[in-house]
Amino acid sequence: SLELRFGSLDQLTIDAIHVASDDTLVAITLQIAT
């Protein structure tokens, strides 16, 4: 979803997504569009 909106992500952002908590991921999905 982030790549669709912003294009390719840097490696640090990708790594942060892969170790993020479930609560953080849910919070991000609710604000990806804004």
PDB file of all heavy atoms in Angstrom:
ATOM      1  N   SER A   1       0.832  -1.201   0.000  1.00  0.00           N
ATOM      2  CA  SER A   1       0.000   0.000   0.000  1.00  0.00           C
ATOM      3  C   SER A   1       0.869   1.255   0.000  1.00  0.00           C
ATOM      4  O   SER A   1       0.581   2.221  -0.721  1.00  0.00           O
ATOM      5  CB  SER A   1      -0.926  -0.004   1.218  1.00  0.00           C
ATOM      6  OG  SER A   1      -1.807  -1.104   1.183  1.00  0.00           O
ATOM      7  N   LEU A   2       1.935   1.237   0.792  1.00  0.00           N
ATOM      8  CA  LEU A   2       2.844   2.388   0.816  1.00  0.00           C
ATOM      9  C   LEU A   2       3.558   2.551  -0.519  1.00  0.00           C
ATOM     10  O   LEU A   2       3.738   3.673  -1.015  1.00  0.00           O
ATOM     11  CB  LEU A   2       3.865   2.225   1.947  1.00  0.00           C
ATOM     12  CG  LEU A   2       3.311   2.331   3.372  1.00  0.00           C
ATOM     13  CD1 LEU A   2       4.410   2.048   4.391  1.00  0.00           C
ATOM     14  CD2 LEU A   2       2.718   3.718   3.606  1.00  0.00           C
ATOM     15  N   GLU A   3       3.972   1.430  -1.130  1.00  0.00           N
ATOM     16  CA  GLU A   3       4.644   1.502  -2.424  1.00  0.00           C
ATOM     17  C   GLU A   3       3.701   2.005  -3.506  1.00  0.00           C
ATOM     18  O   GLU A   3       4.123   2.723  -4.417  1.00  0.00           O
ATOM     19  CB  GLU A   3       5.201   0.128  -2.801  1.00  0.00           C
ATOM     20  CG  GLU A   3       6.406  -0.284  -1.981  1.00  0.00           C
ATOM     21  CD  GLU A   3       6.934  -1.670  -2.337  1.00  0.00           C
ATOM     22  OE1 GLU A   3       6.159  -2.465  -2.917  1.00  0.00           O
ATOM     23  OE2 GLU A   3       8.092  -1.953  -2.031  1.00  0.00           O
ATOM     24  N   LEU A   4       2.442   1.639  -3.401  1.00  0.00           N
ATOM     25  CA  LEU A   4       1.461   2.089  -4.383  1.00  0.00           C
ATOM     26  C   LEU A   4       1.278   3.597  -4.314  1.00  0.00           C
ATOM     27  O   LEU A   4       1.106   4.263  -5.332  1.00  0.00           O
ATOM     28  CB  LEU A   4       0.131   1.385  -4.132  1.00  0.00           C
ATOM     29  CG  LEU A   4      -0.967   1.593  -5.181  1.00  0.00           C
ATOM     30  CD1 LEU A   4      -0.504   1.076  -6.540  1.00  0.00           C
ATOM     31  CD2 LEU A   4      -2.241   0.886  -4.771  1.00  0.00           C
ATOM     32  N   ARG A   5       1.357   4.145  -3.097  1.00  0.00           N
ATOM     33  CA  ARG A   5       1.158   5.585  -2.945  1.00  0.00           C
ATOM     34  C   ARG A   5       2.444   6.382  -3.158  1.00  0.00           C
ATOM     35  O   ARG A   5       2.432   7.435  -3.800  1.00  0.00           O
ATOM     36  CB  ARG A   5       0.599   5.893  -1.553  1.00  0.00           C
ATOM     37  CG  ARG A   5       0.276   7.375  -1.391  1.00  0.00           C
ATOM     38  CD  ARG A   5      -0.290   7.717  -0.043  1.00  0.00           C
ATOM     39  NE  ARG A   5      -0.524   9.153   0.020  1.00  0.00           N
ATOM     40  CZ  ARG A   5      -0.706   9.827   1.141  1.00  0.00           C
ATOM     41  NH1 ARG A   5      -0.694   9.200   2.300  1.00  0.00           N
ATOM     42  NH2 ARG A   5      -0.911  11.130   1.109  1.00  0.00           N
ATOM     43  N   PHE A   6       3.575   5.882  -2.615  1.00  0.00           N
ATOM     44  CA  PHE A   6       4.799   6.676  -2.613  1.00  0.00           C
ATOM     45  C   PHE A   6       5.880   6.169  -3.569  1.00  0.00           C
ATOM     46  O   PHE A   6       6.902   6.820  -3.755  1.00  0.00           O
ATOM     47  CB  PHE A   6       5.393   6.726  -1.195  1.00  0.00           C
ATOM     48  CG  PHE A   6       4.476   7.336  -0.175  1.00  0.00           C
ATOM     49  CD1 PHE A   6       3.877   6.548   0.799  1.00  0.00           C
ATOM     50  CD2 PHE A   6       4.192   8.686  -0.192  1.00  0.00           C
ATOM     51  CE1 PHE A   6       3.030   7.101   1.747  1.00  0.00           C
ATOM     52  CE2 PHE A   6       3.345   9.256   0.754  1.00  0.00           C
ATOM     53  CZ  PHE A   6       2.765   8.461   1.722  1.00  0.00           C
ATOM     54  N   GLY A   7       5.690   5.003  -4.185  1.00  0.00           N
ATOM     55  CA  GLY A   7       6.740   4.425  -5.013  1.00  0.00           C
ATOM     56  C   GLY A   7       7.651   3.543  -4.163  1.00  0.00           C
ATOM     57  O   GLY A   7       7.317   3.159  -3.034  1.00  0.00           O
ATOM     58  N   SER A   8       8.825   3.207  -4.677  1.00  0.00           N
ATOM     59  CA  SER A   8       9.740   2.305  -3.972  1.00  0.00           C
ATOM     60  C   SER A   8      10.134   2.875  -2.613  1.00  0.00           C
ATOM     61  O   SER A   8      10.391   4.073  -2.477  1.00  0.00           O
ATOM     62  CB  SER A   8      10.996   2.067  -4.818  1.00  0.00           C
ATOM     63  OG  SER A   8      10.675   1.362  -5.991  1.00  0.00           O
ATOM     64  N   LEU A   9      10.181   1.994  -1.614  1.00  0.00           N
ATOM     65  CA  LEU A   9      10.566   2.390  -0.265  1.00  0.00           C
ATOM     66  C   LEU A   9      12.043   2.135  -0.035  1.00  0.00           C
ATOM     67  O   LEU A   9      12.621   1.217  -0.618  1.00  0.00           O
ATOM     68  CB  LEU A   9       9.749   1.604   0.766  1.00  0.00           C
ATOM     69  CG  LEU A   9       8.221   1.727   0.679  1.00  0.00           C
ATOM     70  CD1 LEU A   9       7.572   0.800   1.700  1.00  0.00           C
ATOM     71  CD2 LEU A   9       7.771   3.157   0.889  1.00  0.00           C
ATOM     72  N   ASP A  10      12.650   2.936   0.826  1.00  0.00           N
ATOM     73  CA  ASP A  10      14.046   2.701   1.180  1.00  0.00           C
ATOM     74  C   ASP A  10      14.131   1.489   2.102  1.00  0.00           C
ATOM     75  O   ASP A  10      13.141   1.088   2.721  1.00  0.00           O
ATOM     76  CB  ASP A  10      14.639   3.937   1.864  1.00  0.00           C
ATOM     77  CG  ASP A  10      13.880   4.291   3.126  1.00  0.00           C
ATOM     78  OD1 ASP A  10      12.880   5.032   3.024  1.00  0.00           O
ATOM     79  OD2 ASP A  10      14.249   3.807   4.207  1.00  0.00           O
ATOM     80  N   GLN A  11      15.312   0.907   2.188  1.00  0.00           N
ATOM     81  CA  GLN A  11      15.484  -0.339   2.939  1.00  0.00           C
ATOM     82  C   GLN A  11      15.183  -0.170   4.423  1.00  0.00           C
ATOM     83  O   GLN A  11      14.639  -1.081   5.067  1.00  0.00           O
ATOM     84  CB  GLN A  11      16.914  -0.862   2.759  1.00  0.00           C
ATOM     85  CG  GLN A  11      17.148  -2.262   3.330  1.00  0.00           C
ATOM     86  CD  GLN A  11      16.251  -3.301   2.667  1.00  0.00           C
ATOM     87  OE1 GLN A  11      16.161  -3.342   1.442  1.00  0.00           O
ATOM     88  NE2 GLN A  11      15.598  -4.130   3.462  1.00  0.00           N
ATOM     89  N   LEU A  12      15.498   0.994   5.002  1.00  0.00           N
ATOM     90  CA  LEU A  12      15.231   1.212   6.421  1.00  0.00           C
ATOM     91  C   LEU A  12      13.729   1.163   6.716  1.00  0.00           C
ATOM     92  O   LEU A  12      13.305   0.596   7.728  1.00  0.00           O
ATOM     93  CB  LEU A  12      15.818   2.561   6.870  1.00  0.00           C
ATOM     94  CG  LEU A  12      17.346   2.636   6.973  1.00  0.00           C
ATOM     95  CD1 LEU A  12      17.771   4.050   7.347  1.00  0.00           C
ATOM     96  CD2 LEU A  12      17.867   1.624   7.999  1.00  0.00           C
ATOM     97  N   THR A  13      12.928   1.740   5.822  1.00  0.00           N
ATOM     98  CA  THR A  13      11.481   1.715   6.013  1.00  0.00           C
ATOM     99  C   THR A  13      10.943   0.293   5.880  1.00  0.00           C
ATOM    100  O   THR A  13      10.095  -0.143   6.655  1.00  0.00           O
ATOM    101  CB  THR A  13      10.791   2.632   4.996  1.00  0.00           C
ATOM    102  OG1 THR A  13      11.283   3.969   5.154  1.00  0.00           O
ATOM    103  CG2 THR A  13       9.275   2.622   5.184  1.00  0.00           C
ATOM    104  N   ILE A  14      11.452  -0.451   4.886  1.00  0.00           N
ATOM    105  CA  ILE A  14      11.027  -1.840   4.693  1.00  0.00           C
ATOM    106  C   ILE A  14      11.362  -2.674   5.924  1.00  0.00           C
ATOM    107  O   ILE A  14      10.542  -3.458   6.423  1.00  0.00           O
ATOM    108  CB  ILE A  14      11.695  -2.425   3.440  1.00  0.00           C
ATOM    109  CG1 ILE A  14      11.163  -1.734   2.182  1.00  0.00           C
ATOM    110  CG2 ILE A  14      11.451  -3.938   3.352  1.00  0.00           C
ATOM    111  CD1 ILE A  14      11.879  -2.136   0.909  1.00  0.00           C
ATOM    112  N   ASP A  15      12.578  -2.500   6.449  1.00  0.00           N
ATOM    113  CA  ASP A  15      12.986  -3.253   7.633  1.00  0.00           C
ATOM    114  C   ASP A  15      12.119  -2.895   8.844  1.00  0.00           C
ATOM    115  O   ASP A  15      11.763  -3.760   9.648  1.00  0.00           O
ATOM    116  CB  ASP A  15      14.458  -2.975   7.950  1.00  0.00           C
ATOM    117  CG  ASP A  15      15.399  -3.589   6.915  1.00  0.00           C
ATOM    118  OD1 ASP A  15      14.947  -4.496   6.174  1.00  0.00           O
ATOM    119  OD2 ASP A  15      16.561  -3.170   6.837  1.00  0.00           O
ATOM    120  N   ALA A  16      11.768  -1.601   8.964  1.00  0.00           N
ATOM    121  CA  ALA A  16      10.941  -1.163  10.090  1.00  0.00           C
ATOM    122  C   ALA A  16       9.549  -1.784  10.016  1.00  0.00           C
ATOM    123  O   ALA A  16       8.968  -2.152  11.041  1.00  0.00           O
ATOM    124  CB  ALA A  16      10.847   0.359  10.104  1.00  0.00           C
ATOM    125  N   ILE A  17       9.007  -1.920   8.812  1.00  0.00           N
ATOM    126  CA  ILE A  17       7.696  -2.576   8.634  1.00  0.00           C
ATOM    127  C   ILE A  17       7.759  -4.024   9.085  1.00  0.00           C
ATOM    128  O   ILE A  17       6.860  -4.543   9.732  1.00  0.00           O
ATOM    129  CB  ILE A  17       7.244  -2.486   7.165  1.00  0.00           C
ATOM    130  CG1 ILE A  17       6.932  -1.041   6.788  1.00  0.00           C
ATOM    131  CG2 ILE A  17       6.024  -3.373   6.911  1.00  0.00           C
ATOM    132  CD1 ILE A  17       6.665  -0.834   5.313  1.00  0.00           C
ATOM    133  N   HIS A  18       8.863  -4.688   8.766  1.00  0.00           N
ATOM    134  CA  HIS A  18       8.986  -6.121   9.052  1.00  0.00           C
ATOM    135  C   HIS A  18       9.167  -6.436  10.539  1.00  0.00           C
ATOM    136  O   HIS A  18       9.005  -7.581  10.941  1.00  0.00           O
ATOM    137  CB  HIS A  18      10.144  -6.709   8.241  1.00  0.00           C
ATOM    138  CG  HIS A  18       9.857  -6.762   6.770  1.00  0.00           C
ATOM    139  ND1 HIS A  18      10.826  -6.958   5.815  1.00  0.00           N
ATOM    140  CD2 HIS A  18       8.700  -6.635   6.091  1.00  0.00           C
ATOM    141  CE1 HIS A  18      10.281  -6.949   4.620  1.00  0.00           C
ATOM    142  NE2 HIS A  18       8.988  -6.754   4.761  1.00  0.00           N
ATOM    143  N   VAL A  19       9.525  -5.425  11.339  1.00  0.00           N
ATOM    144  CA  VAL A  19       9.669  -5.670  12.779  1.00  0.00           C
ATOM    145  C   VAL A  19       8.651  -4.868  13.589  1.00  0.00           C
ATOM    146  O   VAL A  19       8.691  -4.871  14.812  1.00  0.00           O
ATOM    147  CB  VAL A  19      11.101  -5.344  13.262  1.00  0.00           C
ATOM    148  CG1 VAL A  19      12.109  -6.255  12.590  1.00  0.00           C
ATOM    149  CG2 VAL A  19      11.454  -3.878  13.021  1.00  0.00           C
ATOM    150  N   ALA A  20       7.731  -4.186  12.911  1.00  0.00           N
ATOM    151  CA  ALA A  20       6.734  -3.383  13.615  1.00  0.00           C
ATOM    152  C   ALA A  20       5.730  -4.268  14.343  1.00  0.00           C
ATOM    153  O   ALA A  20       5.439  -5.391  13.929  1.00  0.00           O
ATOM    154  CB  ALA A  20       6.001  -2.474  12.625  1.00  0.00           C
ATOM    155  N   SER A  21       5.195  -3.763  15.427  1.00  0.00           N
ATOM    156  CA  SER A  21       4.189  -4.504  16.183  1.00  0.00           C
ATOM    157  C   SER A  21       2.866  -4.520  15.420  1.00  0.00           C
ATOM    158  O   SER A  21       2.632  -3.702  14.520  1.00  0.00           O
ATOM    159  CB  SER A  21       3.980  -3.862  17.560  1.00  0.00           C
ATOM    160  OG  SER A  21       3.362  -2.596  17.402  1.00  0.00           O
ATOM    161  N   ASP A  22       1.995  -5.440  15.796  1.00  0.00           N
ATOM    162  CA  ASP A  22       0.688  -5.531  15.151  1.00  0.00           C
ATOM    163  C   ASP A  22      -0.102  -4.235  15.327  1.00  0.00           C
ATOM    164  O   ASP A  22      -0.760  -3.758  14.402  1.00  0.00           O
ATOM    165  CB  ASP A  22      -0.110  -6.698  15.733  1.00  0.00           C
ATOM    166  CG  ASP A  22       0.521  -8.050  15.417  1.00  0.00           C
ATOM    167  OD1 ASP A  22       1.344  -8.098  14.479  1.00  0.00           O
ATOM    168  OD2 ASP A  22       0.196  -9.031  16.101  1.00  0.00           O
ATOM    169  N   ASP A  23      -0.048  -3.642  16.535  1.00  0.00           N
ATOM    170  CA  ASP A  23      -0.795  -2.414  16.799  1.00  0.00           C
ATOM    171  C   ASP A  23      -0.325  -1.284  15.887  1.00  0.00           C
ATOM    172  O   ASP A  23      -1.128  -0.484  15.396  1.00  0.00           O
ATOM    173  CB  ASP A  23      -0.632  -1.993  18.259  1.00  0.00           C
ATOM    174  CG  ASP A  23      -1.378  -2.924  19.210  1.00  0.00           C
ATOM    175  OD1 ASP A  23      -2.273  -3.649  18.730  1.00  0.00           O
ATOM    176  OD2 ASP A  23      -1.061  -2.927  20.408  1.00  0.00           O
ATOM    177  N   THR A  24       0.985  -1.210  15.664  1.00  0.00           N
ATOM    178  CA  THR A  24       1.528  -0.163  14.802  1.00  0.00           C
ATOM    179  C   THR A  24       1.080  -0.368  13.366  1.00  0.00           C
ATOM    180  O   THR A  24       0.703   0.584  12.665  1.00  0.00           O
ATOM    181  CB  THR A  24       3.067  -0.156  14.879  1.00  0.00           C
ATOM    182  OG1 THR A  24       3.462   0.166  16.213  1.00  0.00           O
ATOM    183  CG2 THR A  24       3.651   0.872  13.926  1.00  0.00           C
ATOM    184  N   LEU A  25       1.096  -1.615  12.905  1.00  0.00           N
ATOM    185  CA  LEU A  25       0.670  -1.902  11.528  1.00  0.00           C
ATOM    186  C   LEU A  25      -0.791  -1.536  11.319  1.00  0.00           C
ATOM    187  O   LEU A  25      -1.164  -0.969  10.286  1.00  0.00           O
ATOM    188  CB  LEU A  25       0.904  -3.380  11.210  1.00  0.00           C
ATOM    189  CG  LEU A  25       2.368  -3.828  11.137  1.00  0.00           C
ATOM    190  CD1 LEU A  25       2.441  -5.346  10.961  1.00  0.00           C
ATOM    191  CD2 LEU A  25       3.102  -3.131   9.996  1.00  0.00           C
ATOM    192  N   VAL A  26      -1.621  -1.866  12.299  1.00  0.00           N
ATOM    193  CA  VAL A  26      -3.043  -1.525  12.197  1.00  0.00           C
ATOM    194  C   VAL A  26      -3.219  -0.018  12.136  1.00  0.00           C
ATOM    195  O   VAL A  26      -3.989   0.510  11.324  1.00  0.00           O
ATOM    196  CB  VAL A  26      -3.829  -2.114  13.386  1.00  0.00           C
ATOM    197  CG1 VAL A  26      -5.250  -1.560  13.413  1.00  0.00           C
ATOM    198  CG2 VAL A  26      -3.861  -3.629  13.292  1.00  0.00           C
ATOM    199  N   ALA A  27      -2.493   0.713  12.997  1.00  0.00           N
ATOM    200  CA  ALA A  27      -2.601   2.169  13.015  1.00  0.00           C
ATOM    201  C   ALA A  27      -2.193   2.764  11.672  1.00  0.00           C
ATOM    202  O   ALA A  27      -2.813   3.704  11.177  1.00  0.00           O
ATOM    203  CB  ALA A  27      -1.727   2.741  14.133  1.00  0.00           C
ATOM    204  N   ILE A  28      -1.161   2.189  11.056  1.00  0.00           N
ATOM    205  CA  ILE A  28      -0.685   2.702   9.771  1.00  0.00           C
ATOM    206  C   ILE A  28      -1.702   2.443   8.672  1.00  0.00           C
ATOM    207  O   ILE A  28      -1.932   3.299   7.812  1.00  0.00           O
ATOM    208  CB  ILE A  28       0.681   2.074   9.424  1.00  0.00           C
ATOM    209  CG1 ILE A  28       1.756   2.643  10.358  1.00  0.00           C
ATOM    210  CG2 ILE A  28       1.065   2.351   7.966  1.00  0.00           C
ATOM    211  CD1 ILE A  28       3.118   1.997  10.180  1.00  0.00           C
ATOM    212  N   THR A  29      -2.340   1.266   8.690  1.00  0.00           N
ATOM    213  CA  THR A  29      -3.327   0.980   7.642  1.00  0.00           C
ATOM    214  C   THR A  29      -4.478   1.974   7.674  1.00  0.00           C
ATOM    215  O   THR A  29      -5.066   2.277   6.637  1.00  0.00           O
ATOM    216  CB  THR A  29      -3.899  -0.444   7.789  1.00  0.00           C
ATOM    217  OG1 THR A  29      -4.579  -0.571   9.044  1.00  0.00           O
ATOM    218  CG2 THR A  29      -2.810  -1.490   7.686  1.00  0.00           C
ATOM    219  N   LEU A  30      -4.773   2.515   8.848  1.00  0.00           N
ATOM    220  CA  LEU A  30      -5.898   3.442   8.973  1.00  0.00           C
ATOM    221  C   LEU A  30      -5.542   4.854   8.528  1.00  0.00           C
ATOM    222  O   LEU A  30      -6.431   5.701   8.400  1.00  0.00           O
ATOM    223  CB  LEU A  30      -6.388   3.462  10.428  1.00  0.00           C
ATOM    224  CG  LEU A  30      -6.902   2.125  10.971  1.00  0.00           C
ATOM    225  CD1 LEU A  30      -7.309   2.253  12.426  1.00  0.00           C
ATOM    226  CD2 LEU A  30      -8.070   1.624  10.136  1.00  0.00           C
ATOM    227  N   GLN A  31      -4.248   5.135   8.284  1.00  0.00           N
ATOM    228  CA  GLN A  31      -3.874   6.484   7.892  1.00  0.00           C
ATOM    229  C   GLN A  31      -3.000   6.507   6.644  1.00  0.00           C
ATOM    230  O   GLN A  31      -2.430   7.547   6.294  1.00  0.00           O
ATOM    231  CB  GLN A  31      -3.142   7.185   9.035  1.00  0.00           C
ATOM    232  CG  GLN A  31      -1.920   6.438   9.550  1.00  0.00           C
ATOM    233  CD  GLN A  31      -1.240   7.160  10.703  1.00  0.00           C
ATOM    234  OE1 GLN A  31      -0.864   8.309  10.573  1.00  0.00           O
ATOM    235  NE2 GLN A  31      -1.095   6.481  11.825  1.00  0.00           N
ATOM    236  N   ILE A  32      -2.928   5.367   5.926  1.00  0.00           N
ATOM    237  CA  ILE A  32      -2.096   5.320   4.721  1.00  0.00           C
ATOM    238  C   ILE A  32      -2.548   6.366   3.698  1.00  0.00           C
ATOM    239  O   ILE A  32      -1.733   6.973   3.014  1.00  0.00           O
ATOM    240  CB  ILE A  32      -2.143   3.906   4.104  1.00  0.00           C
ATOM    241  CG1 ILE A  32      -1.253   2.960   4.909  1.00  0.00           C
ATOM    242  CG2 ILE A  32      -1.677   3.921   2.650  1.00  0.00           C
ATOM    243  CD1 ILE A  32      -1.252   1.529   4.420  1.00  0.00           C
ATOM    244  N   ALA A  33      -3.849   6.591   3.602  1.00  0.00           N
ATOM    245  CA  ALA A  33      -4.360   7.500   2.567  1.00  0.00           C
ATOM    246  C   ALA A  33      -4.141   8.963   2.895  1.00  0.00           C
ATOM    247  O   ALA A  33      -4.225   9.816   2.011  1.00  0.00           O
ATOM    248  CB  ALA A  33      -5.849   7.237   2.348  1.00  0.00           C
ATOM    249  N   THR A  34      -3.837   9.295   4.171  1.00  0.00           N
ATOM    250  CA  THR A  34      -3.770  10.704   4.559  1.00  0.00           C
ATOM    251  C   THR A  34      -2.394  11.126   5.073  1.00  0.00           C
ATOM    252  O   THR A  34      -2.013  12.286   4.908  1.00  0.00           O
ATOM    253  CB  THR A  34      -4.821  10.996   5.637  1.00  0.00           C
ATOM    254  OG1 THR A  34      -4.612  10.112   6.761  1.00  0.00           O
ATOM    255  CG2 THR A  34      -6.219  10.771   5.095  1.00  0.00           C
TER     256      THR A  34
END
